[in-house]
């Protein structure tokens, strides 16, 4: 998967995850892309534990995996922000 695919899927997954978690106002487009790309890595790691493939190309499955990972990442970040 090329860098442009990572940016597109990451941006979309990060944006939707930020809408789900209510953090869209605090992060811009670059934040959404970073959250989505890291979400793809986290989602792939989570999927490997349950025996599924992670992000494997420009597909709906890759988007769903990245979205799951981005939601998990934002949830963890919200936990740390609350503790301060």
PDB file of N, CA and C in Angstrom:
ATOM      1  N   UNK A   1       0.852  -1.167   0.000  1.00  0.00           N
ATOM      2  CA  UNK A   1       0.000   0.000   0.000  1.00  0.00           C
ATOM      3  C   UNK A   1       0.895   1.225   0.000  1.00  0.00           C
ATOM      4  N   UNK A   2       0.652   2.148  -0.918  1.00  0.00           N
ATOM      5  CA  UNK A   2       1.471   3.331  -1.055  1.00  0.00           C
ATOM      6  C   UNK A   2       1.165   4.395  -0.013  1.00  0.00           C
ATOM      7  N   UNK A   3       2.032   5.378   0.044  1.00  0.00           N
ATOM      8  CA  UNK A   3       1.890   6.439   1.039  1.00  0.00           C
ATOM      9  C   UNK A   3       0.598   7.228   0.832  1.00  0.00           C
ATOM     10  N   UNK A   4       0.191   7.420  -0.412  1.00  0.00           N
ATOM     11  CA  UNK A   4      -1.049   8.141  -0.675  1.00  0.00           C
ATOM     12  C   UNK A   4      -2.256   7.371  -0.146  1.00  0.00           C
ATOM     13  N   UNK A   5      -2.241   6.066  -0.283  1.00  0.00           N
ATOM     14  CA  UNK A   5      -3.327   5.235   0.261  1.00  0.00           C
ATOM     15  C   UNK A   5      -3.373   5.321   1.777  1.00  0.00           C
ATOM     16  N   UNK A   6      -2.197   5.315   2.422  1.00  0.00           N
ATOM     17  CA  UNK A   6      -2.140   5.450   3.884  1.00  0.00           C
ATOM     18  C   UNK A   6      -2.720   6.788   4.313  1.00  0.00           C
ATOM     19  N   UNK A   7      -2.400   7.851   3.571  1.00  0.00           N
ATOM     20  CA  UNK A   7      -2.905   9.183   3.923  1.00  0.00           C
ATOM     21  C   UNK A   7      -4.411   9.262   3.744  1.00  0.00           C
ATOM     22  N   UNK A   8      -4.927   8.717   2.647  1.00  0.00           N
ATOM     23  CA  UNK A   8      -6.373   8.780   2.381  1.00  0.00           C
ATOM     24  C   UNK A   8      -7.148   7.942   3.398  1.00  0.00           C
ATOM     25  N   UNK A   9      -6.764   6.688   3.563  1.00  0.00           N
ATOM     26  CA  UNK A   9      -7.462   5.823   4.522  1.00  0.00           C
ATOM     27  C   UNK A   9      -7.270   6.355   5.943  1.00  0.00           C
ATOM     28  N   UNK A  10      -6.056   6.790   6.267  1.00  0.00           N
ATOM     29  CA  UNK A  10      -5.789   7.347   7.593  1.00  0.00           C
ATOM     30  C   UNK A  10      -6.599   8.598   7.871  1.00  0.00           C
ATOM     31  N   UNK A  11      -6.684   9.480   6.892  1.00  0.00           N
ATOM     32  CA  UNK A  11      -7.465  10.699   7.076  1.00  0.00           C
ATOM     33  C   UNK A  11      -8.943  10.426   7.290  1.00  0.00           C
ATOM     34  N   UNK A  12      -9.495   9.545   6.482  1.00  0.00           N
ATOM     35  CA  UNK A  12     -10.915   9.198   6.631  1.00  0.00           C
ATOM     36  C   UNK A  12     -11.188   8.468   7.942  1.00  0.00           C
ATOM     37  N   UNK A  13     -10.346   7.487   8.266  1.00  0.00           N
ATOM     38  CA  UNK A  13     -10.541   6.729   9.506  1.00  0.00           C
ATOM     39  C   UNK A  13     -10.356   7.630  10.718  1.00  0.00           C
ATOM     40  N   UNK A  14      -9.355   8.494  10.689  1.00  0.00           N
ATOM     41  CA  UNK A  14      -9.126   9.415  11.803  1.00  0.00           C
ATOM     42  C   UNK A  14     -10.261  10.409  11.974  1.00  0.00           C
ATOM     43  N   UNK A  15     -10.799  10.903  10.854  1.00  0.00           N
ATOM     44  CA  UNK A  15     -11.897  11.867  10.925  1.00  0.00           C
ATOM     45  C   UNK A  15     -13.161  11.223  11.492  1.00  0.00           C
ATOM     46  N   UNK A  16     -13.512  10.045  11.000  1.00  0.00           N
ATOM     47  CA  UNK A  16     -14.712   9.361  11.490  1.00  0.00           C
ATOM     48  C   UNK A  16     -14.527   8.943  12.944  1.00  0.00           C
ATOM     49  N   UNK A  17     -13.336   8.461  13.300  1.00  0.00           N
ATOM     50  CA  UNK A  17     -13.078   8.086  14.695  1.00  0.00           C
ATOM     51  C   UNK A  17     -13.186   9.304  15.608  1.00  0.00           C
ATOM     52  N   UNK A  18     -12.701  10.459  15.147  1.00  0.00           N
ATOM     53  CA  UNK A  18     -12.793  11.665  15.980  1.00  0.00           C
ATOM     54  C   UNK A  18     -14.241  12.125  16.120  1.00  0.00           C
ATOM     55  N   UNK A  19     -15.059  11.885  15.116  1.00  0.00           N
ATOM     56  CA  UNK A  19     -16.494  12.182  15.228  1.00  0.00           C
ATOM     57  C   UNK A  19     -17.160  11.237  16.232  1.00  0.00           C
ATOM     58  N   UNK A  20     -16.798   9.963  16.172  1.00  0.00           N
ATOM     59  CA  UNK A  20     -17.358   8.976  17.091  1.00  0.00           C
ATOM     60  C   UNK A  20     -16.975   9.300  18.529  1.00  0.00           C
ATOM     61  N   UNK A  21     -15.716   9.657  18.739  1.00  0.00           N
ATOM     62  CA  UNK A  21     -15.210   9.895  20.093  1.00  0.00           C
ATOM     63  C   UNK A  21     -15.395  11.338  20.565  1.00  0.00           C
ATOM     64  N   UNK A  22     -15.892  12.214  19.720  1.00  0.00           N
ATOM     65  CA  UNK A  22     -16.151  13.594  20.115  1.00  0.00           C
ATOM     66  C   UNK A  22     -14.910  14.456  20.263  1.00  0.00           C
ATOM     67  N   UNK A  23     -13.863  14.162  19.509  1.00  0.00           N
ATOM     68  CA  UNK A  23     -12.631  14.943  19.601  1.00  0.00           C
ATOM     69  C   UNK A  23     -12.329  15.717  18.328  1.00  0.00           C
ATOM     70  N   UNK A  24     -13.300  15.850  17.453  1.00  0.00           N
ATOM     71  CA  UNK A  24     -13.051  16.470  16.156  1.00  0.00           C
ATOM     72  C   UNK A  24     -12.675  17.946  16.281  1.00  0.00           C
ATOM     73  N   UNK A  25     -13.195  18.629  17.278  1.00  0.00           N
ATOM     74  CA  UNK A  25     -12.915  20.047  17.428  1.00  0.00           C
ATOM     75  C   UNK A  25     -11.473  20.307  17.849  1.00  0.00           C
ATOM     76  N   UNK A  26     -10.857  19.364  18.534  1.00  0.00           N
ATOM     77  CA  UNK A  26      -9.525  19.590  19.083  1.00  0.00           C
ATOM     78  C   UNK A  26      -8.387  19.173  18.147  1.00  0.00           C
ATOM     79  N   UNK A  27      -8.702  18.531  17.035  1.00  0.00           N
ATOM     80  CA  UNK A  27      -7.650  18.124  16.108  1.00  0.00           C
ATOM     81  C   UNK A  27      -8.029  18.539  14.699  1.00  0.00           C
ATOM     82  N   UNK A  28      -7.033  18.900  13.933  1.00  0.00           N
ATOM     83  CA  UNK A  28      -7.262  19.317  12.553  1.00  0.00           C
ATOM     84  C   UNK A  28      -7.087  18.159  11.591  1.00  0.00           C
ATOM     85  N   UNK A  29      -6.936  18.502  10.334  1.00  0.00           N
ATOM     86  CA  UNK A  29      -6.807  17.477   9.307  1.00  0.00           C
ATOM     87  C   UNK A  29      -5.526  16.667   9.494  1.00  0.00           C
ATOM     88  N   UNK A  30      -4.443  17.321   9.881  1.00  0.00           N
ATOM     89  CA  UNK A  30      -3.195  16.606  10.100  1.00  0.00           C
ATOM     90  C   UNK A  30      -3.321  15.649  11.290  1.00  0.00           C
ATOM     91  N   UNK A  31      -3.997  16.095  12.328  1.00  0.00           N
ATOM     92  CA  UNK A  31      -4.239  15.225  13.481  1.00  0.00           C
ATOM     93  C   UNK A  31      -5.081  14.020  13.111  1.00  0.00           C
ATOM     94  N   UNK A  32      -6.098  14.226  12.271  1.00  0.00           N
ATOM     95  CA  UNK A  32      -6.935  13.113  11.819  1.00  0.00           C
ATOM     96  C   UNK A  32      -6.118  12.105  11.013  1.00  0.00           C
ATOM     97  N   UNK A  33      -5.236  12.596  10.155  1.00  0.00           N
ATOM     98  CA  UNK A  33      -4.413  11.700   9.344  1.00  0.00           C
ATOM     99  C   UNK A  33      -3.481  10.885  10.238  1.00  0.00           C
ATOM    100  N   UNK A  34      -2.833  11.560  11.193  1.00  0.00           N
ATOM    101  CA  UNK A  34      -1.905  10.864  12.096  1.00  0.00           C
ATOM    102  C   UNK A  34      -2.652   9.824  12.934  1.00  0.00           C
ATOM    103  N   UNK A  35      -3.815  10.205  13.475  1.00  0.00           N
ATOM    104  CA  UNK A  35      -4.610   9.268  14.276  1.00  0.00           C
ATOM    105  C   UNK A  35      -5.042   8.080  13.425  1.00  0.00           C
ATOM    106  N   UNK A  36      -5.445   8.327  12.192  1.00  0.00           N
ATOM    107  CA  UNK A  36      -5.875   7.240  11.310  1.00  0.00           C
ATOM    108  C   UNK A  36      -4.744   6.299  10.930  1.00  0.00           C
ATOM    109  N   UNK A  37      -3.567   6.839  10.648  1.00  0.00           N
ATOM    110  CA  UNK A  37      -2.426   5.994  10.292  1.00  0.00           C
ATOM    111  C   UNK A  37      -1.990   5.171  11.498  1.00  0.00           C
ATOM    112  N   UNK A  38      -1.868   5.816  12.658  1.00  0.00           N
ATOM    113  CA  UNK A  38      -1.539   5.063  13.875  1.00  0.00           C
ATOM    114  C   UNK A  38      -2.647   4.064  14.208  1.00  0.00           C
ATOM    115  N   UNK A  39      -3.892   4.443  13.921  1.00  0.00           N
ATOM    116  CA  UNK A  39      -5.013   3.533  14.119  1.00  0.00           C
ATOM    117  C   UNK A  39      -4.906   2.300  13.238  1.00  0.00           C
ATOM    118  N   UNK A  40      -4.404   2.476  12.026  1.00  0.00           N
ATOM    119  CA  UNK A  40      -4.188   1.326  11.146  1.00  0.00           C
ATOM    120  C   UNK A  40      -3.163   0.360  11.719  1.00  0.00           C
ATOM    121  N   UNK A  41      -2.110   0.911  12.303  1.00  0.00           N
ATOM    122  CA  UNK A  41      -1.083   0.063  12.922  1.00  0.00           C
ATOM    123  C   UNK A  41      -1.659  -0.646  14.149  1.00  0.00           C
ATOM    124  N   UNK A  42      -2.359   0.119  15.002  1.00  0.00           N
ATOM    125  CA  UNK A  42      -2.957  -0.466  16.205  1.00  0.00           C
ATOM    126  C   UNK A  42      -4.031  -1.488  15.835  1.00  0.00           C
ATOM    127  N   UNK A  43      -4.863  -1.143  14.853  1.00  0.00           N
ATOM    128  CA  UNK A  43      -5.907  -2.064  14.404  1.00  0.00           C
ATOM    129  C   UNK A  43      -5.333  -3.350  13.838  1.00  0.00           C
ATOM    130  N   UNK A  44      -4.248  -3.253  13.072  1.00  0.00           N
ATOM    131  CA  UNK A  44      -3.587  -4.446  12.547  1.00  0.00           C
ATOM    132  C   UNK A  44      -3.023  -5.304  13.658  1.00  0.00           C
ATOM    133  N   UNK A  45      -2.493  -4.661  14.690  1.00  0.00           N
ATOM    134  CA  UNK A  45      -1.965  -5.388  15.846  1.00  0.00           C
ATOM    135  C   UNK A  45      -3.091  -6.108  16.587  1.00  0.00           C
ATOM    136  N   UNK A  46      -4.223  -5.418  16.761  1.00  0.00           N
ATOM    137  CA  UNK A  46      -5.382  -6.034  17.429  1.00  0.00           C
ATOM    138  C   UNK A  46      -5.902  -7.209  16.608  1.00  0.00           C
ATOM    139  N   UNK A  47      -6.008  -7.038  15.300  1.00  0.00           N
ATOM    140  CA  UNK A  47      -6.530  -8.100  14.429  1.00  0.00           C
ATOM    141  C   UNK A  47      -5.613  -9.322  14.428  1.00  0.00           C
ATOM    142  N   UNK A  48      -4.306  -9.115  14.593  1.00  0.00           N
ATOM    143  CA  UNK A  48      -3.394 -10.258  14.620  1.00  0.00           C
ATOM    144  C   UNK A  48      -3.645 -11.141  15.837  1.00  0.00           C
ATOM    145  N   UNK A  49      -4.143 -10.560  16.920  1.00  0.00           N
ATOM    146  CA  UNK A  49      -4.449 -11.346  18.113  1.00  0.00           C
ATOM    147  C   UNK A  49      -5.670 -12.239  17.924  1.00  0.00           C
ATOM    148  N   UNK A  50      -6.593 -11.824  17.070  1.00  0.00           N
ATOM    149  CA  UNK A  50      -7.790 -12.649  16.868  1.00  0.00           C
ATOM    150  C   UNK A  50      -7.707 -13.484  15.588  1.00  0.00           C
ATOM    151  N   UNK A  51      -6.533 -13.480  14.957  1.00  0.00           N
ATOM    152  CA  UNK A  51      -6.310 -14.342  13.808  1.00  0.00           C
ATOM    153  C   UNK A  51      -6.774 -13.782  12.481  1.00  0.00           C
ATOM    154  N   UNK A  52      -7.020 -12.497  12.400  1.00  0.00           N
ATOM    155  CA  UNK A  52      -7.444 -11.862  11.143  1.00  0.00           C
ATOM    156  C   UNK A  52      -6.292 -11.051  10.570  1.00  0.00           C
ATOM    157  N   UNK A  53      -6.430 -10.673   9.304  1.00  0.00           N
ATOM    158  CA  UNK A  53      -5.417  -9.822   8.691  1.00  0.00           C
ATOM    159  C   UNK A  53      -5.716  -8.369   9.023  1.00  0.00           C
ATOM    160  N   UNK A  54      -4.675  -7.573   9.039  1.00  0.00           N
ATOM    161  CA  UNK A  54      -4.831  -6.157   9.340  1.00  0.00           C
ATOM    162  C   UNK A  54      -5.054  -5.361   8.070  1.00  0.00           C
ATOM    163  N   UNK A  55      -4.388  -4.242   7.978  1.00  0.00           N
ATOM    164  CA  UNK A  55      -4.482  -3.379   6.804  1.00  0.00           C
ATOM    165  C   UNK A  55      -3.704  -4.053   5.689  1.00  0.00           C
ATOM    166  N   UNK A  56      -4.412  -4.396   4.606  1.00  0.00           N
ATOM    167  CA  UNK A  56      -3.782  -5.180   3.548  1.00  0.00           C
ATOM    168  C   UNK A  56      -3.876  -4.530   2.176  1.00  0.00           C
ATOM    169  N   UNK A  57      -4.265  -3.294   2.111  1.00  0.00           N
ATOM    170  CA  UNK A  57      -4.386  -2.608   0.841  1.00  0.00           C
ATOM    171  C   UNK A  57      -5.516  -1.599   0.905  1.00  0.00           C
ATOM    172  N   UNK A  58      -5.830  -1.027  -0.214  1.00  0.00           N
ATOM    173  CA  UNK A  58      -6.888  -0.023  -0.293  1.00  0.00           C
ATOM    174  C   UNK A  58      -8.229  -0.744  -0.426  1.00  0.00           C
ATOM    175  N   UNK A  59      -8.835  -1.068   0.714  1.00  0.00           N
ATOM    176  CA  UNK A  59     -10.087  -1.818   0.699  1.00  0.00           C
ATOM    177  C   UNK A  59     -10.955  -1.415   1.881  1.00  0.00           C
ATOM    178  N   UNK A  60     -12.186  -1.864   1.879  1.00  0.00           N
ATOM    179  CA  UNK A  60     -13.109  -1.579   2.972  1.00  0.00           C
ATOM    180  C   UNK A  60     -12.622  -2.212   4.268  1.00  0.00           C
ATOM    181  N   UNK A  61     -12.084  -3.435   4.198  1.00  0.00           N
ATOM    182  CA  UNK A  61     -11.574  -4.103   5.395  1.00  0.00           C
ATOM    183  C   UNK A  61     -10.442  -3.293   6.033  1.00  0.00           C
ATOM    184  N   UNK A  62      -9.534  -2.783   5.214  1.00  0.00           N
ATOM    185  CA  UNK A  62      -8.438  -1.971   5.738  1.00  0.00           C
ATOM    186  C   UNK A  62      -8.967  -0.717   6.417  1.00  0.00           C
ATOM    187  N   UNK A  63      -9.985  -0.108   5.836  1.00  0.00           N
ATOM    188  CA  UNK A  63     -10.596   1.080   6.429  1.00  0.00           C
ATOM    189  C   UNK A  63     -11.218   0.747   7.783  1.00  0.00           C
ATOM    190  N   UNK A  64     -11.933  -0.371   7.865  1.00  0.00           N
ATOM    191  CA  UNK A  64     -12.581  -0.775   9.124  1.00  0.00           C
ATOM    192  C   UNK A  64     -11.530  -1.063  10.198  1.00  0.00           C
ATOM    193  N   UNK A  65     -10.451  -1.739   9.820  1.00  0.00           N
ATOM    194  CA  UNK A  65      -9.372  -2.026  10.773  1.00  0.00           C
ATOM    195  C   UNK A  65      -8.757  -0.726  11.271  1.00  0.00           C
ATOM    196  N   UNK A  66      -8.480   0.207  10.360  1.00  0.00           N
ATOM    197  CA  UNK A  66      -7.907   1.494  10.751  1.00  0.00           C
ATOM    198  C   UNK A  66      -8.876   2.280  11.635  1.00  0.00           C
ATOM    199  N   UNK A  67     -10.159   2.209  11.344  1.00  0.00           N
ATOM    200  CA  UNK A  67     -11.165   2.898  12.147  1.00  0.00           C
ATOM    201  C   UNK A  67     -11.215   2.333  13.566  1.00  0.00           C
ATOM    202  N   UNK A  68     -11.205   1.017  13.682  1.00  0.00           N
ATOM    203  CA  UNK A  68     -11.203   0.384  15.008  1.00  0.00           C
ATOM    204  C   UNK A  68      -9.965   0.806  15.794  1.00  0.00           C
ATOM    205  N   UNK A  69      -8.817   0.755  15.153  1.00  0.00           N
ATOM    206  CA  UNK A  69      -7.585   1.157  15.817  1.00  0.00           C
ATOM    207  C   UNK A  69      -7.580   2.624  16.206  1.00  0.00           C
ATOM    208  N   UNK A  70      -8.136   3.495  15.348  1.00  0.00           N
ATOM    209  CA  UNK A  70      -8.188   4.923  15.661  1.00  0.00           C
ATOM    210  C   UNK A  70      -9.118   5.198  16.834  1.00  0.00           C
ATOM    211  N   UNK A  71     -10.243   4.504  16.896  1.00  0.00           N
ATOM    212  CA  UNK A  71     -11.160   4.677  18.033  1.00  0.00           C
ATOM    213  C   UNK A  71     -10.480   4.222  19.323  1.00  0.00           C
ATOM    214  N   UNK A  72      -9.769   3.104  19.273  1.00  0.00           N
ATOM    215  CA  UNK A  72      -9.042   2.624  20.457  1.00  0.00           C
ATOM    216  C   UNK A  72      -7.982   3.639  20.875  1.00  0.00           C
ATOM    217  N   UNK A  73      -7.239   4.182  19.908  1.00  0.00           N
ATOM    218  CA  UNK A  73      -6.213   5.182  20.207  1.00  0.00           C
ATOM    219  C   UNK A  73      -6.817   6.423  20.850  1.00  0.00           C
ATOM    220  N   UNK A  74      -7.908   6.941  20.305  1.00  0.00           N
ATOM    221  CA  UNK A  74      -8.546   8.128  20.873  1.00  0.00           C
ATOM    222  C   UNK A  74      -9.133   7.842  22.254  1.00  0.00           C
ATOM    223  N   UNK A  75      -9.628   6.640  22.462  1.00  0.00           N
ATOM    224  CA  UNK A  75     -10.153   6.262  23.774  1.00  0.00           C
ATOM    225  C   UNK A  75      -9.036   6.270  24.819  1.00  0.00           C
ATOM    226  N   UNK A  76      -7.884   5.706  24.448  1.00  0.00           N
ATOM    227  CA  UNK A  76      -6.738   5.692  25.359  1.00  0.00           C
ATOM    228  C   UNK A  76      -6.265   7.111  25.648  1.00  0.00           C
ATOM    229  N   UNK A  77      -6.201   7.949  24.619  1.00  0.00           N
ATOM    230  CA  UNK A  77      -5.781   9.340  24.820  1.00  0.00           C
ATOM    231  C   UNK A  77      -6.745  10.102  25.725  1.00  0.00           C
ATOM    232  N   UNK A  78      -8.043   9.831  25.582  1.00  0.00           N
ATOM    233  CA  UNK A  78      -9.029  10.476  26.461  1.00  0.00           C
ATOM    234  C   UNK A  78      -8.860  10.030  27.908  1.00  0.00           C
ATOM    235  N   UNK A  79      -8.495   8.773  28.126  1.00  0.00           N
ATOM    236  CA  UNK A  79      -8.250   8.290  29.487  1.00  0.00           C
ATOM    237  C   UNK A  79      -7.096   9.045  30.136  1.00  0.00           C
ATOM    238  N   UNK A  80      -6.025   9.261  29.390  1.00  0.00           N
ATOM    239  CA  UNK A  80      -4.869   9.976  29.937  1.00  0.00           C
ATOM    240  C   UNK A  80      -5.165  11.454  30.161  1.00  0.00           C
ATOM    241  N   UNK A  81      -5.970  12.065  29.303  1.00  0.00           N
ATOM    242  CA  UNK A  81      -6.314  13.478  29.480  1.00  0.00           C
ATOM    243  C   UNK A  81      -7.209  13.682  30.695  1.00  0.00           C
ATOM    244  N   UNK A  82      -8.077  12.736  30.998  1.00  0.00           N
ATOM    245  CA  UNK A  82      -8.958  12.847  32.157  1.00  0.00           C
ATOM    246  C   UNK A  82      -8.199  12.751  33.476  1.00  0.00           C
ATOM    247  N   UNK A  83      -7.135  11.966  33.488  1.00  0.00           N
ATOM    248  CA  UNK A  83      -6.394  11.748  34.718  1.00  0.00           C
ATOM    249  C   UNK A  83      -5.603  12.971  35.152  1.00  0.00           C
ATOM    250  N   UNK A  84      -5.346  13.904  34.282  1.00  0.00           N
ATOM    251  CA  UNK A  84      -4.565  15.095  34.630  1.00  0.00           C
ATOM    252  C   UNK A  84      -5.336  16.033  35.431  1.00  0.00           C
TER     253      UNK A  84
END
